[in-house]
Protein backbone atom coordinates (compact mmCIF):
# COMPACT_ATOMS: atom_id res chain seq x y z
CA UNK A 1 17.14 -18.67 -6.46
CA UNK A 2 15.84 -17.77 -3.29
CA UNK A 3 12.26 -18.75 -2.80
CA UNK A 4 9.77 -18.23 -0.08
CA UNK A 5 6.90 -21.05 0.44
CA UNK A 6 3.52 -19.25 0.55
CA UNK A 7 1.36 -22.55 0.78
CA UNK A 8 1.37 -25.98 -0.83
CA UNK A 9 0.43 -24.21 -4.23
CA UNK A 10 2.31 -20.86 -4.30
CA UNK A 11 5.73 -19.69 -3.95
CA UNK A 12 7.52 -16.33 -4.11
CA UNK A 13 10.96 -16.64 -6.00
CA UNK A 14 13.62 -14.05 -6.84
CA UNK A 15 13.64 -13.94 -10.55
CA UNK A 16 16.37 -15.04 -12.83
CA UNK A 17 17.04 -12.81 -15.66
CA UNK A 18 18.06 -15.59 -18.13
CA UNK A 19 15.37 -18.22 -16.94
CA UNK A 20 12.37 -16.18 -16.09
CA UNK A 21 12.19 -13.12 -18.36
CA UNK A 22 10.44 -14.54 -21.31
CA UNK A 23 7.54 -16.20 -19.19
CA UNK A 24 7.01 -13.11 -17.05
CA UNK A 25 7.09 -10.74 -20.02
CA UNK A 26 4.46 -12.79 -21.79
CA UNK A 27 2.14 -12.89 -18.54
CA UNK A 28 2.77 -9.05 -18.18
CA UNK A 29 1.65 -8.41 -21.82
CA UNK A 30 -1.30 -10.59 -21.64
CA UNK A 31 -2.37 -8.70 -18.75
CA UNK A 32 -1.47 -5.21 -19.90
CA UNK A 33 -4.88 -4.05 -20.40
CA UNK A 34 -5.67 -4.29 -16.72
CA UNK A 35 -2.03 -3.45 -15.46
CA UNK A 36 -1.68 -0.32 -17.16
CA UNK A 37 -4.86 1.21 -15.69
CA UNK A 38 -3.18 1.60 -12.38
CA UNK A 39 0.54 1.28 -13.49
CA UNK A 40 0.60 3.33 -16.95
CA UNK A 41 4.45 3.43 -16.97
CA UNK A 42 4.37 -0.51 -17.51
CA UNK A 43 2.86 -0.12 -21.07
CA UNK A 44 6.17 0.70 -22.61
CA UNK A 45 8.15 -2.52 -21.13
CA UNK A 46 10.18 -4.43 -23.50
CA UNK A 47 11.81 -7.81 -22.70
CA UNK A 48 15.20 -6.24 -22.68
CA UNK A 49 14.12 -3.66 -20.00
CA UNK A 50 12.63 -6.57 -18.11
CA UNK A 51 15.75 -8.57 -18.33
CA UNK A 52 17.84 -5.51 -17.07
CA UNK A 53 15.39 -4.73 -14.37
CA UNK A 54 15.34 -8.22 -13.18
CA UNK A 55 19.21 -8.09 -12.91
CA UNK A 56 19.03 -4.88 -10.97
CA UNK A 57 16.52 -6.43 -8.77
CA UNK A 58 18.69 -9.39 -8.05
CA UNK A 59 21.72 -7.26 -7.20
CA UNK A 60 19.65 -5.26 -4.86
CA UNK A 61 18.24 -8.58 -3.14
CA UNK A 62 21.93 -9.58 -2.83
CA UNK A 63 22.83 -6.38 -1.25
CA UNK A 64 19.83 -6.49 1.21
CA UNK A 65 18.09 -3.55 -0.60
CA UNK A 66 14.85 -4.83 -1.83
CA UNK A 67 13.21 -8.04 -2.56
CA UNK A 68 11.29 -8.38 -6.14
CA UNK A 69 9.93 -11.81 -6.63
CA UNK A 70 7.66 -13.72 -8.93
CA UNK A 71 4.41 -15.26 -7.65
CA UNK A 72 4.43 -18.81 -8.85
CA UNK A 73 1.92 -21.56 -8.93
CA UNK A 74 2.72 -25.00 -8.63
CA UNK A 75 1.12 -26.70 -12.04
CA UNK A 76 -1.48 -29.25 -11.40
CA UNK A 77 -0.02 -31.68 -13.72
CA UNK A 78 3.20 -31.41 -11.66
CA UNK A 79 1.59 -32.59 -8.50
CA UNK A 80 0.27 -35.82 -9.96
CA UNK A 81 3.55 -36.61 -11.82
CA UNK A 82 5.93 -35.70 -8.75
CA UNK A 83 7.36 -33.03 -10.70
CA UNK A 84 8.70 -29.55 -9.23
CA UNK A 85 6.96 -27.34 -12.05
CA UNK A 86 6.04 -23.94 -11.61
CA UNK A 87 3.94 -21.32 -13.35
CA UNK A 88 4.63 -17.54 -13.26
CA UNK A 89 1.44 -15.74 -12.36
CA UNK A 90 2.36 -12.37 -11.06
CA UNK A 91 4.85 -10.27 -9.37
CA UNK A 92 5.36 -8.58 -5.92
CA UNK A 93 8.16 -6.73 -4.40
CA UNK A 94 9.75 -4.71 -1.77
CA UNK A 95 10.93 -1.43 -3.58
CA UNK A 96 12.47 1.75 -2.67
CA UNK A 97 14.22 0.64 0.43
CA UNK A 98 15.29 3.48 2.47
CA UNK A 99 17.83 2.70 5.53
CA UNK A 100 19.61 5.92 5.95
CA UNK A 101 17.83 6.54 9.43
CA UNK A 102 17.57 2.81 11.03
CA UNK A 103 14.66 3.85 13.27
CA UNK A 104 12.74 5.16 10.49
CA UNK A 105 13.78 2.41 7.68
CA UNK A 106 10.93 1.70 5.40
CA UNK A 107 10.17 0.43 1.95
CA UNK A 108 7.41 0.37 -0.66
CA UNK A 109 5.38 -2.64 -1.77
CA UNK A 110 4.04 -3.32 -5.00
CA UNK A 111 2.42 -6.03 -7.14
CA UNK A 112 0.53 -7.24 -9.88
CA UNK A 113 -1.55 -10.54 -10.69
CA UNK A 114 -2.47 -12.43 -13.81
CA UNK A 115 -6.24 -11.53 -14.07
CA UNK A 116 -7.05 -15.26 -14.27
CA UNK A 117 -6.16 -15.51 -10.51
CA UNK A 118 -7.78 -12.50 -9.25
CA UNK A 119 -10.40 -13.17 -6.39
CA UNK A 120 -8.62 -15.94 -4.87
CA UNK A 121 -6.72 -14.34 -2.00
CA UNK A 122 -3.46 -15.08 -3.89
CA UNK A 123 -2.12 -11.24 -3.45
CA UNK A 124 -3.13 -11.09 0.36
CA UNK A 125 -1.17 -14.41 1.17
CA UNK A 126 1.89 -13.40 -1.01
CA UNK A 127 1.92 -9.94 0.70
CA UNK A 128 1.75 -11.46 4.12
CA UNK A 129 4.92 -13.50 3.32
CA UNK A 130 6.55 -10.61 1.81
CA UNK A 131 5.74 -8.33 4.96
CA UNK A 132 7.28 -10.86 7.25
CA UNK A 133 10.48 -11.10 5.07
CA UNK A 134 10.67 -7.21 5.16
CA UNK A 135 10.47 -6.95 8.71
CA UNK A 136 12.52 -10.06 9.89
CA UNK A 137 15.21 -10.18 7.09
CA UNK A 138 15.71 -6.34 5.77
CA UNK A 139 15.48 -4.59 9.20
CA UNK A 140 12.70 -2.35 8.17
CA UNK A 141 10.32 -0.52 10.59
CA UNK A 142 7.62 0.72 8.21
CA UNK A 143 5.95 -0.55 5.20
CA UNK A 144 4.26 1.60 2.64
CA UNK A 145 1.54 0.50 0.08
CA UNK A 146 0.46 3.14 -2.30
CA UNK A 147 -2.81 2.59 -4.13
CA UNK A 148 -4.96 4.40 -6.73
CA UNK A 149 -8.22 5.00 -5.02
CA UNK A 150 -10.11 3.64 -7.85
CA UNK A 151 -8.33 0.27 -7.52
CA UNK A 152 -11.04 -1.44 -5.02
CA UNK A 153 -9.28 -4.75 -5.07
CA UNK A 154 -5.98 -3.29 -4.03
CA UNK A 155 -7.58 -1.03 -0.99
CA UNK A 156 -9.19 -4.24 0.07
CA UNK A 157 -5.74 -5.95 0.40
CA UNK A 158 -4.28 -2.99 2.24
CA UNK A 159 -7.35 -3.21 4.73
CA UNK A 160 -7.07 -6.89 5.17
CA UNK A 161 -3.19 -6.60 5.83
CA UNK A 162 -3.95 -3.67 8.62
CA UNK A 163 -2.26 -0.92 6.63
CA UNK A 164 -3.55 2.49 7.85
CA UNK A 165 -4.52 5.31 5.66
CA UNK A 166 -1.84 8.04 6.14
CA UNK A 167 -2.00 10.33 3.09
CA UNK A 168 -4.00 11.25 -0.07
CA UNK A 169 -1.97 12.48 -3.07
CA UNK A 170 -3.64 14.10 -6.00
CA UNK A 171 -1.65 13.61 -9.12
CA UNK A 172 -2.23 14.09 -13.01
CA UNK A 173 1.09 12.51 -14.34
CA UNK A 174 0.27 8.95 -13.35
CA UNK A 175 -3.05 8.61 -15.19
CA UNK A 176 -2.73 11.21 -18.12
CA UNK A 177 -6.14 10.05 -19.69
CA UNK A 178 -7.95 11.48 -16.60
CA UNK A 179 -7.81 15.05 -15.12
CA UNK A 180 -6.82 13.67 -11.67
CA UNK A 181 -6.19 10.44 -9.74
CA UNK A 182 -6.05 10.21 -6.16
CA UNK A 183 -3.39 7.84 -4.51
CA UNK A 184 -3.92 6.54 -1.13
CA UNK A 185 -0.77 6.10 0.97
CA UNK A 186 -0.99 3.24 3.47
CA UNK A 187 1.53 2.23 6.07
CA UNK A 188 2.20 -0.47 8.32
CA UNK A 189 4.55 -0.26 11.34
CA UNK A 190 6.48 -3.17 12.71
CA UNK A 191 5.44 -2.84 15.92
CA UNK A 192 1.76 -2.88 14.93
CA UNK A 193 2.37 -5.80 12.68
CA UNK A 194 4.09 -7.83 15.60
CA UNK A 195 1.04 -7.07 17.79
CA UNK A 196 -1.39 -8.83 15.30
């Protein structure tokens, strides 16, 4: 499967529905109390649905219509034993690719990370590589990152990656346990990214 090296301990890899679904599903379930706060539709996941979604994502990747990847960390024991062993710790993706008008071709970015790895800069590093892939391989001109305004860690990621706040949407359906939720829409243009 296609992989992007992030650094000597991290890589992004297109997920294999037959090989990666059990490990990724287990990590997602472990993290569901944290993930479902901002991604409430994730709580109804099943291993069968994840496998189908991985196959759909693989098909989109093969057709240049997105890139949904697992975030993998090289296991410490593997380094000492000269083995190539990687542990699934999260997910990031280029989703909802829109290329009808080449000048406005854009996609949305999304991610989640195992809580045990929060606060280490992993999401920022992985998103930098994913942004590079989006602009250089998928011929996109804009990327969108939508974040619940209560999610301060994701808002910080958007700022570190130089996304600009372009809209605030008020919604009720994404967070039914609360009256209203505000979603901040952030955009990054290819030209702005190139000039960094």
